[in-house]
PDB file of N, CA and C in Angstrom:
ATOM      1  N   UNK A   1       2.610   0.187  -0.510  1.00  0.00           N
ATOM      2  CA  UNK A   1       3.833   0.954  -0.531  1.00  0.00           C
ATOM      3  C   UNK A   1       5.026   0.073  -0.275  1.00  0.00           C
ATOM      4  N   UNK A   2       5.948   0.412  -1.240  1.00  0.00           N
ATOM      5  CA  UNK A   2       7.126  -0.380  -1.184  1.00  0.00           C
ATOM      6  C   UNK A   2       7.942  -0.449   0.019  1.00  0.00           C
ATOM      7  N   UNK A   3       8.038   0.689   0.780  1.00  0.00           N
ATOM      8  CA  UNK A   3       8.865   0.818   1.972  1.00  0.00           C
ATOM      9  C   UNK A   3       8.357  -0.109   3.065  1.00  0.00           C
ATOM     10  N   UNK A   4       6.944  -0.153   3.155  1.00  0.00           N
ATOM     11  CA  UNK A   4       6.364  -0.982   4.096  1.00  0.00           C
ATOM     12  C   UNK A   4       6.445  -2.354   3.682  1.00  0.00           C
ATOM     13  N   UNK A   5       6.243  -2.809   2.476  1.00  0.00           N
ATOM     14  CA  UNK A   5       6.471  -4.254   2.001  1.00  0.00           C
ATOM     15  C   UNK A   5       7.859  -4.725   2.305  1.00  0.00           C
ATOM     16  N   UNK A   6       8.782  -3.955   2.125  1.00  0.00           N
ATOM     17  CA  UNK A   6      10.333  -4.326   2.491  1.00  0.00           C
ATOM     18  C   UNK A   6      10.419  -4.454   4.137  1.00  0.00           C
ATOM     19  N   UNK A   7      10.026  -3.464   4.659  1.00  0.00           N
ATOM     20  CA  UNK A   7      10.163  -3.399   6.221  1.00  0.00           C
ATOM     21  C   UNK A   7       9.415  -4.430   6.885  1.00  0.00           C
ATOM     22  N   UNK A   8       8.186  -4.832   6.518  1.00  0.00           N
ATOM     23  CA  UNK A   8       7.333  -5.601   7.156  1.00  0.00           C
ATOM     24  C   UNK A   8       7.418  -7.090   6.772  1.00  0.00           C
ATOM     25  N   UNK A   9       8.016  -7.367   5.436  1.00  0.00           N
ATOM     26  CA  UNK A   9       8.239  -8.662   5.114  1.00  0.00           C
ATOM     27  C   UNK A   9       9.511  -9.240   5.684  1.00  0.00           C
ATOM     28  N   UNK A  10      10.515  -8.249   5.786  1.00  0.00           N
ATOM     29  CA  UNK A  10      11.682  -8.748   6.439  1.00  0.00           C
ATOM     30  C   UNK A  10      11.745  -8.836   7.919  1.00  0.00           C
ATOM     31  N   UNK A  11      10.767  -7.905   8.578  1.00  0.00           N
ATOM     32  CA  UNK A  11      10.633  -8.146   9.972  1.00  0.00           C
ATOM     33  C   UNK A  11       9.890  -9.266  10.233  1.00  0.00           C
ATOM     34  N   UNK A  12       8.887  -9.730   9.469  1.00  0.00           N
ATOM     35  CA  UNK A  12       8.107 -10.975   9.499  1.00  0.00           C
ATOM     36  C   UNK A  12       9.120 -12.148   9.465  1.00  0.00           C
ATOM     37  N   UNK A  13      10.073 -12.188   8.406  1.00  0.00           N
ATOM     38  CA  UNK A  13      11.000 -13.303   8.203  1.00  0.00           C
ATOM     39  C   UNK A  13      11.813 -13.580   9.444  1.00  0.00           C
ATOM     40  N   UNK A  14      12.236 -12.407  10.173  1.00  0.00           N
ATOM     41  CA  UNK A  14      13.129 -12.538  11.304  1.00  0.00           C
ATOM     42  C   UNK A  14      12.264 -12.870  12.569  1.00  0.00           C
ATOM     43  N   UNK A  15      11.070 -12.568  12.665  1.00  0.00           N
ATOM     44  CA  UNK A  15      10.328 -12.497  13.900  1.00  0.00           C
ATOM     45  C   UNK A  15       9.182 -13.484  14.098  1.00  0.00           C
ATOM     46  N   UNK A  16       8.394 -13.775  12.990  1.00  0.00           N
ATOM     47  CA  UNK A  16       7.175 -14.411  13.152  1.00  0.00           C
ATOM     48  C   UNK A  16       7.362 -15.807  13.842  1.00  0.00           C
ATOM     49  N   UNK A  17       8.233 -16.596  13.508  1.00  0.00           N
ATOM     50  CA  UNK A  17       8.451 -17.898  13.945  1.00  0.00           C
ATOM     51  C   UNK A  17       8.646 -17.913  15.532  1.00  0.00           C
ATOM     52  N   UNK A  18       9.090 -16.976  16.089  1.00  0.00           N
ATOM     53  CA  UNK A  18       9.312 -16.753  17.485  1.00  0.00           C
ATOM     54  C   UNK A  18       8.318 -16.082  18.337  1.00  0.00           C
ATOM     55  N   UNK A  19       7.291 -15.510  17.603  1.00  0.00           N
ATOM     56  CA  UNK A  19       6.353 -14.709  18.312  1.00  0.00           C
ATOM     57  C   UNK A  19       5.306 -15.736  19.017  1.00  0.00           C
ATOM     58  N   UNK A  20       4.820 -15.122  20.199  1.00  0.00           N
ATOM     59  CA  UNK A  20       3.711 -15.826  20.847  1.00  0.00           C
ATOM     60  C   UNK A  20       2.373 -15.672  20.091  1.00  0.00           C
ATOM     61  N   UNK A  21       1.445 -16.309  20.461  1.00  0.00           N
ATOM     62  CA  UNK A  21       0.101 -16.201  19.767  1.00  0.00           C
ATOM     63  C   UNK A  21      -0.406 -14.686  19.938  1.00  0.00           C
ATOM     64  N   UNK A  22      -0.167 -14.247  21.188  1.00  0.00           N
ATOM     65  CA  UNK A  22      -0.656 -12.790  21.647  1.00  0.00           C
ATOM     66  C   UNK A  22       0.103 -11.915  20.587  1.00  0.00           C
ATOM     67  N   UNK A  23       1.410 -11.957  20.574  1.00  0.00           N
ATOM     68  CA  UNK A  23       2.085 -11.046  19.659  1.00  0.00           C
ATOM     69  C   UNK A  23       1.772 -11.257  18.086  1.00  0.00           C
ATOM     70  N   UNK A  24       1.496 -12.378  17.759  1.00  0.00           N
ATOM     71  CA  UNK A  24       1.000 -12.719  16.230  1.00  0.00           C
ATOM     72  C   UNK A  24      -0.416 -11.897  16.121  1.00  0.00           C
ATOM     73  N   UNK A  25      -1.198 -11.813  17.194  1.00  0.00           N
ATOM     74  CA  UNK A  25      -2.485 -11.324  17.026  1.00  0.00           C
ATOM     75  C   UNK A  25      -2.342  -9.774  17.030  1.00  0.00           C
ATOM     76  N   UNK A  26      -1.340  -9.127  17.798  1.00  0.00           N
ATOM     77  CA  UNK A  26      -1.050  -7.742  17.802  1.00  0.00           C
ATOM     78  C   UNK A  26      -0.376  -7.329  16.376  1.00  0.00           C
ATOM     79  N   UNK A  27       0.440  -8.168  15.967  1.00  0.00           N
ATOM     80  CA  UNK A  27       0.977  -8.064  14.531  1.00  0.00           C
ATOM     81  C   UNK A  27      -0.036  -8.013  13.498  1.00  0.00           C
ATOM     82  N   UNK A  28      -0.823  -8.934  13.530  1.00  0.00           N
ATOM     83  CA  UNK A  28      -2.084  -9.136  12.597  1.00  0.00           C
ATOM     84  C   UNK A  28      -2.924  -7.670  12.696  1.00  0.00           C
ATOM     85  N   UNK A  29      -3.195  -7.175  13.949  1.00  0.00           N
ATOM     86  CA  UNK A  29      -3.949  -6.069  14.048  1.00  0.00           C
ATOM     87  C   UNK A  29      -3.122  -4.851  13.371  1.00  0.00           C
ATOM     88  N   UNK A  30      -1.926  -4.781  13.660  1.00  0.00           N
ATOM     89  CA  UNK A  30      -1.101  -3.748  13.249  1.00  0.00           C
ATOM     90  C   UNK A  30      -1.003  -3.666  11.648  1.00  0.00           C
ATOM     91  N   UNK A  31      -0.850  -4.709  10.973  1.00  0.00           N
ATOM     92  CA  UNK A  31      -0.767  -4.712   9.510  1.00  0.00           C
ATOM     93  C   UNK A  31      -2.141  -4.706   8.777  1.00  0.00           C
ATOM     94  N   UNK A  32      -3.271  -4.992   9.556  1.00  0.00           N
ATOM     95  CA  UNK A  32      -4.602  -4.926   9.023  1.00  0.00           C
ATOM     96  C   UNK A  32      -5.506  -3.783   9.304  1.00  0.00           C
ATOM     97  N   UNK A  33      -5.441  -3.255  10.506  1.00  0.00           N
ATOM     98  CA  UNK A  33      -6.427  -2.276  10.879  1.00  0.00           C
ATOM     99  C   UNK A  33      -6.092  -0.829  10.377  1.00  0.00           C
ATOM    100  N   UNK A  34      -4.957  -0.267  10.511  1.00  0.00           N
ATOM    101  CA  UNK A  34      -4.654   1.015  10.004  1.00  0.00           C
ATOM    102  C   UNK A  34      -5.122   1.095   8.519  1.00  0.00           C
ATOM    103  N   UNK A  35      -5.740   2.218   8.224  1.00  0.00           N
ATOM    104  CA  UNK A  35      -6.240   2.378   6.942  1.00  0.00           C
ATOM    105  C   UNK A  35      -5.211   3.196   6.035  1.00  0.00           C
ATOM    106  N   UNK A  36      -4.212   3.571   6.585  1.00  0.00           N
ATOM    107  CA  UNK A  36      -3.032   4.319   5.833  1.00  0.00           C
ATOM    108  C   UNK A  36      -1.744   3.582   6.191  1.00  0.00           C
ATOM    109  N   UNK A  37      -1.166   2.963   5.140  1.00  0.00           N
ATOM    110  CA  UNK A  37       0.064   2.235   5.273  1.00  0.00           C
ATOM    111  C   UNK A  37       1.323   3.285   5.702  1.00  0.00           C
ATOM    112  N   UNK A  38       1.135   4.563   5.236  1.00  0.00           N
ATOM    113  CA  UNK A  38       2.213   5.531   5.767  1.00  0.00           C
ATOM    114  C   UNK A  38       2.090   5.688   7.190  1.00  0.00           C
ATOM    115  N   UNK A  39       1.008   5.530   7.869  1.00  0.00           N
ATOM    116  CA  UNK A  39       1.026   5.642   9.366  1.00  0.00           C
ATOM    117  C   UNK A  39       1.904   4.560   9.962  1.00  0.00           C
ATOM    118  N   UNK A  40       1.708   3.360   9.528  1.00  0.00           N
ATOM    119  CA  UNK A  40       2.627   2.290  10.066  1.00  0.00           C
ATOM    120  C   UNK A  40       4.028   2.549   9.850  1.00  0.00           C
ATOM    121  N   UNK A  41       4.498   3.101   8.613  1.00  0.00           N
ATOM    122  CA  UNK A  41       5.738   3.493   8.301  1.00  0.00           C
ATOM    123  C   UNK A  41       6.239   4.620   9.322  1.00  0.00           C
ATOM    124  N   UNK A  42       5.544   5.573   9.519  1.00  0.00           N
ATOM    125  CA  UNK A  42       5.899   6.675  10.471  1.00  0.00           C
ATOM    126  C   UNK A  42       6.013   6.219  11.765  1.00  0.00           C
ATOM    127  N   UNK A  43       5.115   5.318  12.233  1.00  0.00           N
ATOM    128  CA  UNK A  43       5.170   4.899  13.723  1.00  0.00           C
ATOM    129  C   UNK A  43       6.439   3.954  13.661  1.00  0.00           C
ATOM    130  N   UNK A  44       6.845   3.150  12.763  1.00  0.00           N
ATOM    131  CA  UNK A  44       7.933   2.339  12.896  1.00  0.00           C
ATOM    132  C   UNK A  44       9.202   3.051  12.871  1.00  0.00           C
ATOM    133  N   UNK A  45       9.236   4.188  12.194  1.00  0.00           N
ATOM    134  CA  UNK A  45      10.503   4.925  11.924  1.00  0.00           C
ATOM    135  C   UNK A  45      10.539   6.126  13.069  1.00  0.00           C
ATOM    136  N   UNK A  46       9.548   6.115  13.879  1.00  0.00           N
ATOM    137  CA  UNK A  46       9.325   7.161  14.880  1.00  0.00           C
ATOM    138  C   UNK A  46       9.289   8.598  14.349  1.00  0.00           C
ATOM    139  N   UNK A  47       8.671   8.824  13.161  1.00  0.00           N
ATOM    140  CA  UNK A  47       8.449  10.057  12.490  1.00  0.00           C
ATOM    141  C   UNK A  47       7.333  10.628  13.049  1.00  0.00           C
ATOM    142  N   UNK A  48       6.303   9.854  13.602  1.00  0.00           N
ATOM    143  CA  UNK A  48       5.172  10.402  14.110  1.00  0.00           C
ATOM    144  C   UNK A  48       4.852   9.430  15.396  1.00  0.00           C
ATOM    145  N   UNK A  49       4.194  10.044  16.487  1.00  0.00           N
ATOM    146  CA  UNK A  49       3.966   9.114  17.682  1.00  0.00           C
ATOM    147  C   UNK A  49       2.943   7.890  17.419  1.00  0.00           C
ATOM    148  N   UNK A  50       3.146   6.817  17.888  1.00  0.00           N
ATOM    149  CA  UNK A  50       2.262   5.686  17.788  1.00  0.00           C
ATOM    150  C   UNK A  50       0.981   5.746  18.699  1.00  0.00           C
ATOM    151  N   UNK A  51      -0.122   5.639  18.106  1.00  0.00           N
ATOM    152  CA  UNK A  51      -1.519   5.714  18.772  1.00  0.00           C
ATOM    153  C   UNK A  51      -1.398   4.591  19.960  1.00  0.00           C
ATOM    154  N   UNK A  52      -2.044   4.963  21.082  1.00  0.00           N
ATOM    155  CA  UNK A  52      -2.062   3.895  22.217  1.00  0.00           C
ATOM    156  C   UNK A  52      -2.511   2.564  21.798  1.00  0.00           C
ATOM    157  N   UNK A  53      -3.401   2.528  20.951  1.00  0.00           N
ATOM    158  CA  UNK A  53      -3.869   1.162  20.743  1.00  0.00           C
ATOM    159  C   UNK A  53      -3.014   0.242  19.872  1.00  0.00           C
ATOM    160  N   UNK A  54      -1.868   0.893  19.329  1.00  0.00           N
ATOM    161  CA  UNK A  54      -0.919   0.095  18.727  1.00  0.00           C
ATOM    162  C   UNK A  54       0.393   0.161  19.389  1.00  0.00           C
ATOM    163  N   UNK A  55       0.525   0.764  20.617  1.00  0.00           N
ATOM    164  CA  UNK A  55       1.790   0.830  21.250  1.00  0.00           C
ATOM    165  C   UNK A  55       1.805  -0.443  22.215  1.00  0.00           C
ATOM    166  N   UNK A  56       2.673  -1.333  21.758  1.00  0.00           N
ATOM    167  CA  UNK A  56       2.730  -2.662  22.344  1.00  0.00           C
ATOM    168  C   UNK A  56       4.150  -3.139  22.128  1.00  0.00           C
ATOM    169  N   UNK A  57       4.473  -4.420  22.579  1.00  0.00           N
ATOM    170  CA  UNK A  57       5.896  -4.966  22.473  1.00  0.00           C
ATOM    171  C   UNK A  57       6.059  -5.194  20.911  1.00  0.00           C
ATOM    172  N   UNK A  58       5.112  -5.629  20.144  1.00  0.00           N
ATOM    173  CA  UNK A  58       5.352  -5.801  18.676  1.00  0.00           C
ATOM    174  C   UNK A  58       5.898  -4.497  17.992  1.00  0.00           C
ATOM    175  N   UNK A  59       5.042  -3.404  18.377  1.00  0.00           N
ATOM    176  CA  UNK A  59       5.540  -2.148  17.862  1.00  0.00           C
ATOM    177  C   UNK A  59       7.005  -1.852  18.377  1.00  0.00           C
ATOM    178  N   UNK A  60       7.231  -2.142  19.518  1.00  0.00           N
ATOM    179  CA  UNK A  60       8.647  -1.886  20.015  1.00  0.00           C
ATOM    180  C   UNK A  60       9.632  -2.817  19.255  1.00  0.00           C
ATOM    181  N   UNK A  61       9.202  -3.990  18.938  1.00  0.00           N
ATOM    182  CA  UNK A  61      10.148  -4.793  18.140  1.00  0.00           C
ATOM    183  C   UNK A  61      10.403  -4.271  16.675  1.00  0.00           C
ATOM    184  N   UNK A  62       9.334  -3.799  16.137  1.00  0.00           N
ATOM    185  CA  UNK A  62       9.286  -3.233  14.763  1.00  0.00           C
ATOM    186  C   UNK A  62      10.092  -1.954  14.655  1.00  0.00           C
ATOM    187  N   UNK A  63       9.999  -1.136  15.744  1.00  0.00           N
ATOM    188  CA  UNK A  63      10.832   0.131  15.789  1.00  0.00           C
ATOM    189  C   UNK A  63      12.374  -0.215  15.938  1.00  0.00           C
ATOM    190  N   UNK A  64      12.700  -1.104  16.709  1.00  0.00           N
ATOM    191  CA  UNK A  64      13.973  -1.552  16.840  1.00  0.00           C
ATOM    192  C   UNK A  64      14.424  -2.127  15.522  1.00  0.00           C
ATOM    193  N   UNK A  65      13.725  -2.923  14.920  1.00  0.00           N
ATOM    194  CA  UNK A  65      14.092  -3.424  13.545  1.00  0.00           C
ATOM    195  C   UNK A  65      14.310  -2.418  12.521  1.00  0.00           C
ATOM    196  N   UNK A  66      13.505  -1.366  12.622  1.00  0.00           N
ATOM    197  CA  UNK A  66      13.472  -0.271  11.470  1.00  0.00           C
ATOM    198  C   UNK A  66      14.866   0.554  11.777  1.00  0.00           C
ATOM    199  N   UNK A  67      15.330   0.577  12.862  1.00  0.00           N
ATOM    200  CA  UNK A  67      16.559   1.295  13.059  1.00  0.00           C
ATOM    201  C   UNK A  67      17.756   0.658  12.427  1.00  0.00           C
ATOM    202  N   UNK A  68      17.650  -0.762  12.113  1.00  0.00           N
ATOM    203  CA  UNK A  68      18.720  -1.465  11.415  1.00  0.00           C
ATOM    204  C   UNK A  68      20.103  -1.166  11.949  1.00  0.00           C
ATOM    205  N   UNK A  69      20.315  -1.400  13.207  1.00  0.00           N
ATOM    206  CA  UNK A  69      21.497  -1.210  13.959  1.00  0.00           C
ATOM    207  C   UNK A  69      22.606  -2.000  13.233  1.00  0.00           C
ATOM    208  N   UNK A  70      22.327  -3.046  12.608  1.00  0.00           N
ATOM    209  CA  UNK A  70      23.550  -3.940  11.938  1.00  0.00           C
ATOM    210  C   UNK A  70      23.785  -3.549  10.693  1.00  0.00           C
ATOM    211  N   UNK A  71      23.165  -2.518  10.173  1.00  0.00           N
ATOM    212  CA  UNK A  71      23.336  -1.844   8.849  1.00  0.00           C
ATOM    213  C   UNK A  71      23.240  -2.761   7.686  1.00  0.00           C
ATOM    214  N   UNK A  72      22.243  -3.586   7.825  1.00  0.00           N
ATOM    215  CA  UNK A  72      21.900  -4.598   6.732  1.00  0.00           C
ATOM    216  C   UNK A  72      21.337  -4.010   5.478  1.00  0.00           C
ATOM    217  N   UNK A  73      21.781  -4.575   4.410  1.00  0.00           N
ATOM    218  CA  UNK A  73      21.112  -3.974   3.078  1.00  0.00           C
ATOM    219  C   UNK A  73      19.669  -4.522   3.108  1.00  0.00           C
ATOM    220  N   UNK A  74      18.768  -3.609   2.968  1.00  0.00           N
ATOM    221  CA  UNK A  74      17.274  -4.059   2.838  1.00  0.00           C
ATOM    222  C   UNK A  74      16.720  -3.525   1.661  1.00  0.00           C
ATOM    223  N   UNK A  75      16.921  -4.042   0.620  1.00  0.00           N
ATOM    224  CA  UNK A  75      16.738  -3.460  -0.750  1.00  0.00           C
ATOM    225  C   UNK A  75      15.446  -4.004  -1.414  1.00  0.00           C
ATOM    226  N   UNK A  76      15.059  -5.341  -0.956  1.00  0.00           N
ATOM    227  CA  UNK A  76      14.001  -5.959  -1.622  1.00  0.00           C
ATOM    228  C   UNK A  76      13.502  -7.031  -0.647  1.00  0.00           C
ATOM    229  N   UNK A  77      12.116  -7.428  -0.898  1.00  0.00           N
ATOM    230  CA  UNK A  77      11.501  -8.327  -0.070  1.00  0.00           C
ATOM    231  C   UNK A  77      12.275  -9.648   0.032  1.00  0.00           C
ATOM    232  N   UNK A  78      12.072 -10.415   1.121  1.00  0.00           N
ATOM    233  CA  UNK A  78      12.767 -11.848   1.031  1.00  0.00           C
ATOM    234  C   UNK A  78      11.888 -12.838   0.075  1.00  0.00           C
ATOM    235  N   UNK A  79      12.591 -13.745  -0.349  1.00  0.00           N
ATOM    236  CA  UNK A  79      11.982 -14.766  -0.973  1.00  0.00           C
ATOM    237  C   UNK A  79      11.039 -15.500  -0.068  1.00  0.00           C
ATOM    238  N   UNK A  80       9.925 -16.176  -0.521  1.00  0.00           N
ATOM    239  CA  UNK A  80       8.938 -16.806   0.160  1.00  0.00           C
ATOM    240  C   UNK A  80       9.154 -17.979   0.888  1.00  0.00           C
ATOM    241  N   UNK A  81      10.397 -18.672   0.381  1.00  0.00           N
ATOM    242  CA  UNK A  81      10.620 -19.867   1.020  1.00  0.00           C
ATOM    243  C   UNK A  81      10.803 -19.929   2.628  1.00  0.00           C
ATOM    244  N   UNK A  82      10.997 -18.756   3.155  1.00  0.00           N
ATOM    245  CA  UNK A  82      11.139 -18.730   4.501  1.00  0.00           C
ATOM    246  C   UNK A  82       9.923 -18.954   5.217  1.00  0.00           C
ATOM    247  N   UNK A  83       8.754 -18.899   4.537  1.00  0.00           N
ATOM    248  CA  UNK A  83       7.427 -19.211   5.128  1.00  0.00           C
ATOM    249  C   UNK A  83       7.182 -20.754   5.490  1.00  0.00           C
ATOM    250  N   UNK A  84       8.218 -21.561   4.845  1.00  0.00           N
ATOM    251  CA  UNK A  84       8.004 -23.087   4.772  1.00  0.00           C
ATOM    252  C   UNK A  84       9.152 -23.500   5.685  1.00  0.00           C
ATOM    253  N   UNK A  85       9.983 -22.636   6.276  1.00  0.00           N
ATOM    254  CA  UNK A  85      11.086 -23.196   7.239  1.00  0.00           C
ATOM    255  C   UNK A  85      10.527 -23.623   8.502  1.00  0.00           C
ATOM    256  N   UNK A  86      11.117 -24.640   9.086  1.00  0.00           N
ATOM    257  CA  UNK A  86      10.721 -24.851  10.485  1.00  0.00           C
ATOM    258  C   UNK A  86      11.063 -23.956  11.420  1.00  0.00           C
ATOM    259  N   UNK A  87      10.265 -23.653  12.510  1.00  0.00           N
ATOM    260  CA  UNK A  87      10.373 -22.752  13.608  1.00  0.00           C
ATOM    261  C   UNK A  87      11.854 -22.940  14.119  1.00  0.00           C
ATOM    262  N   UNK A  88      12.469 -21.838  14.613  1.00  0.00           N
ATOM    263  CA  UNK A  88      13.859 -21.947  15.241  1.00  0.00           C
ATOM    264  C   UNK A  88      13.623 -22.132  16.625  1.00  0.00           C
TER     265      UNK A  88
END
């Protein structure tokens, strides 16, 4: 689903390099375990409550990112070059 592709890829670009190993494992579970992409979107946008097994600091980070308080244009996925940038 396009909405999640944009949301999760931009979130990853901004956050993966500074996540701990535990947070990376939580993020991996979040993007791989739910069987319905819409569930992740609804949880991130707070349209539906997040199940207890996914309620953690990574979900909190994702919800804050989804609020887009800086009003950034988020119209497409980032280029993949960010994957090869050194950690900040």
